[in-house]
Amino acid sequence: MNRIYRHDIFEFDEDKIEIFLKLPSIIYQNDPNRLISFKDNESKYLKSNYPIYKKITHKKFLLYMNGSPAARAIGVIHPDINLDNTQTLLIGFFECVNDEACFKTLMEIVENYFKNNHKIKRIIAPINFTTWHTYRFKTFNFNHPSYLFEPYNPAYYPVFYKNFGYQILRSYLSRKLTHPEMQNLVLKNTPAFLNVIKAGIILRPLSLNNFDQEIKKLYDFCKISFHENFLYTPISYDEFYTMYYEGKTLIDPRYFCLAEKNNNLIGFLFCMPDYIDVLKAMKGRQNLLTKLIFLIKKRKIDRLLVKTMAVHPDYRNIGLGKALMYWTHNYALQANYKEAIHALFIADNPSGNYSTSAENFGVYELLHKELQ
């Protein structure tokens, strides 16, 4: 097959951004397992007023093959991410048709641009700006419907990258607990829950009525509890608040548990109902009818998504994580949930110990490449 390529390198050109946004509909048009996202959810990240652009250097790339858009990516230099003290490029928002020659052409364009202009020595992919956003490739269980917030991609993406010299930087797992396994988890963690309560620690649901104050508490706490995490970057309060505010309608306070000691936040566990089937039924649309669909179908949800847990460094050896797990899973059992997904923890991270008996539901990889 004869291929004729051309490409665009740009930042905020609106016409090119419109093409950039349409490419996923081509890649996933026959994939029933992918959630059709609301277009505005991605478009806001591409506009000049998105807060992170104040901090990063970036370029957007579009590759056309025989006149049609075929691949895209955003290359980012983030001042707080320099792996092993080397100039590091982050590649995110990547999509490509199933054509390895097309992929290699795009990657060569991206690499050459940043080698020539920024002297990069290493590349990490995929990562949309930072780990506060979507990152990692899914590498396992492609025939099963995805869950909400799961990284999703065609199976050939990580294959293309590895054939182009990329290696695994970090591996991640998601595990699925059945109803009996949820019951066992609650039973196993009951002593920890009781000990935490006896120690004067208060466990309570997030207050939606005081949402702004709660998010400010979480923001200040995350700066302390996450700062040693792999590839951690500071985040502005505006960006942090926007992330949570946009998902406010999906939050069920029963499953967003805060732990406090002397009115100070010392830990939290953010879980939520898995709204994936509800959002699929909305088909990426936001109108009165789809909002009604959301309200009707949300009553039928029976799977808990365990998303983010953090414990203050001074309270990491008292069983607080187990107590938070007890709280959220106990409420899920009372609501007759049939299963839970413990999502996206680093494969060798102790947080995975809360679900060691469960089956691996997903495997994910963050890749990197050293340049000559």
Protein backbone atom coordinates (compact mmCIF):
# COMPACT_ATOMS: atom_id res chain seq x y z
CA MET A 1 0.00 0.00 0.00
CA ASN A 2 1.37 3.38 -1.01
CA ARG A 3 1.23 5.88 1.84
CA ILE A 4 1.46 9.62 1.52
CA TYR A 5 1.97 11.39 4.84
CA ARG A 6 1.73 14.95 5.93
CA HIS A 7 1.60 16.36 9.44
CA ASP A 8 0.67 19.38 11.49
CA ILE A 9 2.51 20.65 14.57
CA PHE A 10 0.53 23.23 16.50
CA GLU A 11 -0.67 24.42 19.88
CA PHE A 12 -4.14 26.00 19.89
CA ASP A 13 -5.31 26.15 16.29
CA GLU A 14 -9.07 25.60 16.59
CA ASP A 15 -9.55 23.93 13.21
CA LYS A 16 -6.77 21.44 13.88
CA ILE A 17 -8.06 20.78 17.40
CA GLU A 18 -11.42 19.88 15.87
CA ILE A 19 -9.73 17.24 13.72
CA PHE A 20 -7.68 16.10 16.72
CA LEU A 21 -10.91 15.51 18.66
CA LYS A 22 -12.57 13.50 15.89
CA LEU A 23 -9.88 10.85 15.58
CA PRO A 24 -11.10 8.62 18.48
CA SER A 25 -14.47 8.21 16.77
CA ILE A 26 -12.58 6.67 13.84
CA ILE A 27 -10.36 4.43 15.98
CA TYR A 28 -13.17 3.08 18.18
CA GLN A 29 -16.15 3.17 15.86
CA ASN A 30 -16.71 -0.61 16.05
CA ASP A 31 -15.59 -1.15 19.65
CA PRO A 32 -18.56 -1.90 21.96
CA ASN A 33 -16.42 -1.93 25.10
CA ARG A 34 -15.23 1.66 24.96
CA LEU A 35 -17.15 4.41 26.70
CA ILE A 36 -18.15 7.20 24.33
CA SER A 37 -16.99 10.24 26.25
CA PHE A 38 -18.61 13.63 26.19
CA LYS A 39 -16.65 15.59 23.62
CA ASP A 40 -16.26 18.61 25.87
CA ASN A 41 -14.55 16.43 28.47
CA GLU A 42 -11.52 16.12 26.20
CA SER A 43 -11.75 19.44 24.39
CA LYS A 44 -11.24 21.44 27.55
CA TYR A 45 -7.76 19.93 27.94
CA LEU A 46 -6.77 21.23 24.51
CA LYS A 47 -7.71 24.88 24.98
CA SER A 48 -5.29 27.60 25.98
CA ASN A 49 -7.21 28.48 29.16
CA TYR A 50 -6.66 25.05 30.73
CA PRO A 51 -4.49 25.81 33.80
CA ILE A 52 -1.63 23.40 33.12
CA TYR A 53 -0.52 25.29 30.02
CA LYS A 54 0.83 28.00 32.32
CA LYS A 55 3.48 25.52 33.45
CA ILE A 56 4.35 23.18 30.59
CA THR A 57 5.96 23.38 27.17
CA HIS A 58 3.99 21.41 24.60
CA LYS A 59 3.15 20.72 20.97
CA LYS A 60 0.20 18.90 19.45
CA PHE A 61 0.81 16.57 16.50
CA LEU A 62 -1.56 15.37 13.79
CA LEU A 63 -0.54 12.86 11.13
CA TYR A 64 -2.53 12.42 7.93
CA MET A 65 -2.21 9.32 5.78
CA ASN A 66 -3.42 9.62 2.20
CA GLY A 67 -5.30 12.77 3.14
CA SER A 68 -7.16 11.38 6.18
CA PRO A 69 -6.29 11.92 9.87
CA ALA A 70 -4.59 8.75 11.09
CA ALA A 71 -2.65 9.48 14.29
CA ARG A 72 -2.28 12.14 16.95
CA ALA A 73 -0.32 12.92 20.12
CA ILE A 74 0.62 15.72 22.48
CA GLY A 75 4.25 16.04 23.49
CA VAL A 76 4.87 17.71 26.85
CA ILE A 77 7.92 18.94 28.73
CA HIS A 78 6.90 19.30 32.38
CA PRO A 79 9.39 21.10 34.65
CA ASP A 80 8.61 18.75 37.55
CA ILE A 81 9.11 15.48 35.65
CA ASN A 82 12.70 14.72 34.73
CA LEU A 83 13.23 11.01 35.28
CA ASP A 84 16.72 10.28 36.64
CA ASN A 85 17.52 13.97 36.22
CA THR A 86 17.31 13.75 32.44
CA GLN A 87 15.24 15.92 30.13
CA THR A 88 12.04 13.89 29.75
CA LEU A 89 9.30 14.05 27.14
CA LEU A 90 5.77 12.94 28.02
CA ILE A 91 3.57 11.66 25.21
CA GLY A 92 -0.17 11.72 25.81
CA PHE A 93 -3.56 11.97 24.11
CA PHE A 94 -2.21 9.36 21.72
CA GLU A 95 -4.42 7.64 19.13
CA CYS A 96 -3.50 5.82 15.93
CA VAL A 97 -5.12 3.66 13.30
CA ASN A 98 -3.99 0.04 13.15
CA ASP A 99 -1.03 0.68 10.90
CA GLU A 100 2.46 0.30 12.38
CA ALA A 101 4.17 2.28 9.63
CA CYS A 102 1.83 5.17 10.38
CA PHE A 103 2.67 4.89 14.09
CA LYS A 104 6.41 4.93 13.44
CA THR A 105 6.07 7.96 11.21
CA LEU A 106 4.28 9.92 13.92
CA MET A 107 6.74 8.86 16.63
CA GLU A 108 9.73 9.85 14.51
CA ILE A 109 8.21 13.28 13.93
CA VAL A 110 7.55 13.76 17.67
CA GLU A 111 10.98 12.47 18.73
CA ASN A 112 12.88 14.53 16.20
CA TYR A 113 11.02 17.71 17.08
CA PHE A 114 11.77 17.44 20.79
CA LYS A 115 15.32 16.16 20.34
CA ASN A 116 16.15 19.09 18.11
CA ASN A 117 14.36 21.74 20.16
CA HIS A 118 14.61 20.49 23.74
CA LYS A 119 17.47 17.96 23.84
CA ILE A 120 15.30 15.24 25.39
CA LYS A 121 17.00 12.04 26.60
CA ARG A 122 14.00 9.98 27.68
CA ILE A 123 10.32 9.55 26.79
CA ILE A 124 7.44 8.32 28.97
CA ALA A 125 4.15 7.20 27.42
CA PRO A 126 1.24 7.32 27.59
CA ILE A 127 0.60 10.15 30.02
CA ASN A 128 -1.83 13.02 29.49
CA PHE A 129 0.19 15.88 31.05
CA THR A 130 0.67 14.32 34.53
CA THR A 131 -0.44 11.39 36.69
CA TRP A 132 -3.33 13.54 37.90
CA HIS A 133 -4.79 12.81 34.46
CA THR A 134 -5.23 9.67 32.39
CA TYR A 135 -2.09 7.58 31.85
CA ARG A 136 -1.02 3.93 31.23
CA PHE A 137 -1.91 1.44 28.49
CA LYS A 138 -4.32 -1.39 29.11
CA THR A 139 -2.63 -4.69 28.17
CA PHE A 140 -5.05 -7.41 29.34
CA ASN A 141 -8.74 -8.39 29.25
CA PHE A 142 -9.74 -6.48 26.13
CA ASN A 143 -12.81 -8.64 25.56
CA HIS A 144 -14.43 -7.51 28.81
CA PRO A 145 -16.35 -4.23 29.09
CA SER A 146 -14.32 -1.48 30.69
CA TYR A 147 -15.13 0.19 33.97
CA LEU A 148 -15.43 3.91 34.62
CA PHE A 149 -12.09 5.77 34.47
CA GLU A 150 -10.24 2.69 33.23
CA PRO A 151 -7.50 3.50 30.71
CA TYR A 152 -8.70 2.09 27.42
CA ASN A 153 -6.92 1.54 24.13
CA PRO A 154 -6.70 -0.94 21.26
CA ALA A 155 -4.53 -3.96 22.05
CA TYR A 156 -2.04 -2.98 19.34
CA TYR A 157 -0.98 0.29 21.01
CA PRO A 158 1.50 -1.16 23.54
CA VAL A 159 2.72 -3.62 20.88
CA PHE A 160 3.58 -0.78 18.52
CA TYR A 161 5.43 1.10 21.27
CA LYS A 162 7.47 -1.93 22.38
CA ASN A 163 8.41 -2.68 18.78
CA PHE A 164 9.68 0.90 18.62
CA GLY A 165 12.05 0.45 21.55
CA TYR A 166 9.86 1.21 24.56
CA GLN A 167 10.12 -0.85 27.76
CA ILE A 168 7.93 -1.20 30.86
CA LEU A 169 8.53 1.55 33.42
CA ARG A 170 5.76 0.56 35.84
CA SER A 171 3.07 -2.14 35.88
CA TYR A 172 -0.39 -1.74 37.42
CA LEU A 173 -3.27 -4.06 38.29
CA SER A 174 -6.99 -3.93 38.82
CA ARG A 175 -8.72 -6.70 40.74
CA LYS A 176 -12.35 -7.76 40.89
CA LEU A 177 -13.94 -8.89 44.16
CA THR A 178 -17.08 -11.00 44.12
CA HIS A 179 -19.84 -10.52 46.68
CA PRO A 180 -18.44 -13.28 48.98
CA GLU A 181 -14.95 -11.72 48.69
CA MET A 182 -16.39 -8.35 49.67
CA GLN A 183 -17.99 -9.99 52.69
CA ASN A 184 -14.65 -11.57 53.61
CA LEU A 185 -12.87 -8.24 53.27
CA VAL A 186 -15.35 -6.56 55.63
CA LEU A 187 -15.05 -9.39 58.15
CA LYS A 188 -11.25 -9.40 57.96
CA ASN A 189 -11.01 -5.62 58.43
CA THR A 190 -13.57 -5.29 61.24
CA PRO A 191 -10.91 -5.36 64.02
CA ALA A 192 -8.97 -2.58 62.32
CA PHE A 193 -12.14 -0.51 62.00
CA LEU A 194 -12.95 -0.94 65.70
CA ASN A 195 -9.38 -0.08 66.74
CA VAL A 196 -9.42 3.08 64.66
CA ILE A 197 -12.70 4.20 66.23
CA LYS A 198 -11.34 3.45 69.73
CA ALA A 199 -8.31 5.63 68.90
CA GLY A 200 -10.61 8.62 68.51
CA ILE A 201 -10.46 8.76 64.72
CA ILE A 202 -13.69 9.85 63.07
CA LEU A 203 -14.77 8.22 59.81
CA ARG A 204 -17.43 10.13 57.92
CA PRO A 205 -18.80 10.60 54.41
CA LEU A 206 -17.80 13.54 52.26
CA SER A 207 -20.27 16.40 52.69
CA LEU A 208 -21.68 17.55 49.36
CA ASN A 209 -23.36 20.44 51.16
CA ASN A 210 -19.90 21.75 52.07
CA PHE A 211 -18.25 20.67 48.86
CA ASP A 212 -15.88 23.62 48.42
CA GLN A 213 -14.54 23.31 51.97
CA GLU A 214 -14.15 19.54 51.60
CA ILE A 215 -12.20 19.88 48.34
CA LYS A 216 -9.87 22.45 49.93
CA LYS A 217 -9.18 19.96 52.76
CA LEU A 218 -8.48 17.20 50.24
CA TYR A 219 -6.19 19.46 48.20
CA ASP A 220 -4.06 20.40 51.21
CA PHE A 221 -3.97 16.78 52.36
CA CYS A 222 -2.99 15.35 48.95
CA LYS A 223 0.03 17.64 48.80
CA ILE A 224 1.29 15.89 51.95
CA SER A 225 0.24 12.31 51.30
CA PHE A 226 1.08 12.06 47.58
CA HIS A 227 4.30 14.04 47.29
CA GLU A 228 6.52 10.92 47.39
CA ASN A 229 4.46 9.07 44.77
CA PHE A 230 6.09 8.05 41.51
CA LEU A 231 6.03 10.92 38.98
CA TYR A 232 4.17 13.17 41.45
CA THR A 233 3.77 16.77 40.33
CA PRO A 234 2.31 19.68 42.26
CA ILE A 235 -1.09 20.72 40.99
CA SER A 236 -2.78 24.10 41.26
CA TYR A 237 -5.87 24.36 43.41
CA ASP A 238 -7.90 25.59 40.43
CA GLU A 239 -7.04 22.48 38.42
CA PHE A 240 -7.63 20.16 41.39
CA TYR A 241 -10.98 21.76 42.17
CA THR A 242 -12.08 21.55 38.53
CA MET A 243 -11.29 17.83 38.41
CA TYR A 244 -13.50 17.04 41.40
CA TYR A 245 -16.22 19.59 40.66
CA GLU A 246 -16.84 18.15 37.20
CA GLY A 247 -17.38 14.73 38.77
CA LYS A 248 -19.51 15.99 41.63
CA THR A 249 -22.74 14.52 40.25
CA LEU A 250 -21.11 11.06 40.23
CA ILE A 251 -20.04 11.17 43.88
CA ASP A 252 -22.02 9.08 46.35
CA PRO A 253 -20.96 10.30 49.82
CA ARG A 254 -21.37 6.83 51.34
CA TYR A 255 -18.39 5.68 49.32
CA PHE A 256 -16.18 8.74 49.76
CA CYS A 257 -14.92 8.23 53.29
CA LEU A 258 -12.86 10.81 55.17
CA ALA A 259 -10.83 10.02 58.29
CA GLU A 260 -10.23 12.82 60.79
CA LYS A 261 -8.35 13.17 64.05
CA ASN A 262 -8.88 16.33 66.10
CA ASN A 263 -10.69 17.83 63.07
CA ASN A 264 -7.65 17.27 60.86
CA LEU A 265 -7.90 15.11 57.75
CA ILE A 266 -5.57 12.11 58.10
CA GLY A 267 -6.86 9.82 55.35
CA PHE A 268 -9.52 9.19 52.76
CA LEU A 269 -10.82 6.51 50.42
CA PHE A 270 -12.57 7.62 47.25
CA CYS A 271 -14.88 4.96 45.85
CA MET A 272 -17.90 5.38 43.65
CA PRO A 273 -20.59 3.36 41.92
CA ASP A 274 -19.39 2.13 38.54
CA TYR A 275 -21.54 4.27 36.25
CA ILE A 276 -20.07 2.81 33.06
CA ASP A 277 -23.31 1.22 31.78
CA VAL A 278 -25.29 4.35 32.61
CA LEU A 279 -22.88 6.59 30.72
CA LYS A 280 -22.77 4.20 27.77
CA ALA A 281 -26.56 4.46 27.53
CA MET A 282 -26.17 8.25 27.32
CA LYS A 283 -23.91 7.77 24.24
CA GLY A 284 -21.87 10.89 24.87
CA ARG A 285 -24.92 13.17 24.85
CA GLN A 286 -26.02 15.59 27.54
CA ASN A 287 -29.67 16.59 27.28
CA LEU A 288 -32.89 16.20 29.25
CA LEU A 289 -33.56 12.68 27.95
CA THR A 290 -30.09 11.36 28.74
CA LYS A 291 -30.23 12.93 32.21
CA LEU A 292 -33.46 11.01 32.77
CA ILE A 293 -31.74 7.84 31.55
CA PHE A 294 -28.98 8.52 34.08
CA LEU A 295 -31.43 8.86 36.97
CA ILE A 296 -33.29 5.66 36.05
CA LYS A 297 -30.31 3.43 35.33
CA LYS A 298 -28.19 4.54 38.30
CA ARG A 299 -30.60 2.66 40.57
CA LYS A 300 -29.54 -0.61 38.94
CA ILE A 301 -25.79 -0.20 39.57
CA ASP A 302 -24.33 -3.07 41.59
CA ARG A 303 -20.56 -2.63 41.29
CA LEU A 304 -18.28 -0.50 43.47
CA LEU A 305 -15.22 1.17 41.98
CA VAL A 306 -12.38 1.62 44.50
CA LYS A 307 -10.39 4.49 43.03
CA THR A 308 -8.05 6.41 45.35
CA MET A 309 -6.81 5.94 48.91
CA ALA A 310 -4.38 8.04 50.87
CA VAL A 311 -3.22 7.98 54.50
CA HIS A 312 -1.17 10.64 56.27
CA PRO A 313 2.45 9.51 56.77
CA ASP A 314 2.06 9.75 60.56
CA TYR A 315 -0.87 7.29 60.55
CA ARG A 316 0.28 4.56 58.18
CA ASN A 317 0.83 1.76 60.69
CA ILE A 318 -2.44 1.74 62.62
CA GLY A 319 -4.73 -0.06 60.17
CA LEU A 320 -6.43 3.09 58.89
CA GLY A 321 -6.43 1.85 55.30
CA LYS A 322 -8.18 -1.34 56.39
CA ALA A 323 -10.74 0.69 58.33
CA LEU A 324 -11.48 2.80 55.25
CA MET A 325 -11.92 -0.37 53.20
CA TYR A 326 -14.30 -1.73 55.85
CA TRP A 327 -16.41 1.43 55.77
CA THR A 328 -16.90 1.65 52.00
CA HIS A 329 -17.37 -2.07 51.33
CA ASN A 330 -19.80 -2.44 54.22
CA TYR A 331 -22.00 0.28 52.71
CA ALA A 332 -21.74 -1.41 49.30
CA LEU A 333 -22.92 -4.71 50.80
CA GLN A 334 -25.85 -2.94 52.46
CA ALA A 335 -26.76 -1.58 49.02
CA ASN A 336 -26.65 -5.16 47.61
CA TYR A 337 -23.65 -4.52 45.39
CA LYS A 338 -22.47 -7.75 43.77
CA GLU A 339 -18.83 -6.91 43.15
CA ALA A 340 -16.07 -4.35 43.52
CA ILE A 341 -13.17 -3.31 41.32
CA HIS A 342 -9.97 -2.30 43.11
CA ALA A 343 -8.54 -0.16 40.36
CA LEU A 344 -5.12 0.75 39.05
CA PHE A 345 -2.66 0.16 41.88
CA ILE A 346 1.05 -0.35 41.26
CA ALA A 347 1.69 -4.08 40.99
CA ASP A 348 4.12 -4.18 43.95
CA ASN A 349 2.29 -1.55 46.04
CA PRO A 350 1.04 -2.59 49.52
CA SER A 351 -2.40 -1.17 48.67
CA GLY A 352 -2.90 -4.25 46.54
CA ASN A 353 -2.85 -6.39 49.66
CA TYR A 354 -6.45 -5.48 50.40
CA SER A 355 -7.62 -7.69 47.54
CA THR A 356 -4.98 -10.40 47.12
CA SER A 357 -7.58 -13.18 46.85
CA ALA A 358 -9.41 -11.47 43.98
CA GLU A 359 -8.88 -12.16 40.29
CA ASN A 360 -6.82 -9.82 38.14
CA PHE A 361 -9.34 -7.85 36.12
CA GLY A 362 -6.93 -5.61 34.25
CA VAL A 363 -3.20 -5.17 33.67
CA TYR A 364 -1.73 -1.83 32.63
CA GLU A 365 1.71 -0.51 31.75
CA LEU A 366 3.49 2.81 31.68
CA LEU A 367 6.31 2.70 29.14
CA HIS A 368 9.56 4.57 28.61
CA LYS A 369 12.37 4.84 26.11
CA GLU A 370 15.91 6.11 26.43
CA LEU A 371 17.21 8.03 23.42
CA GLN A 372 20.70 7.76 21.99
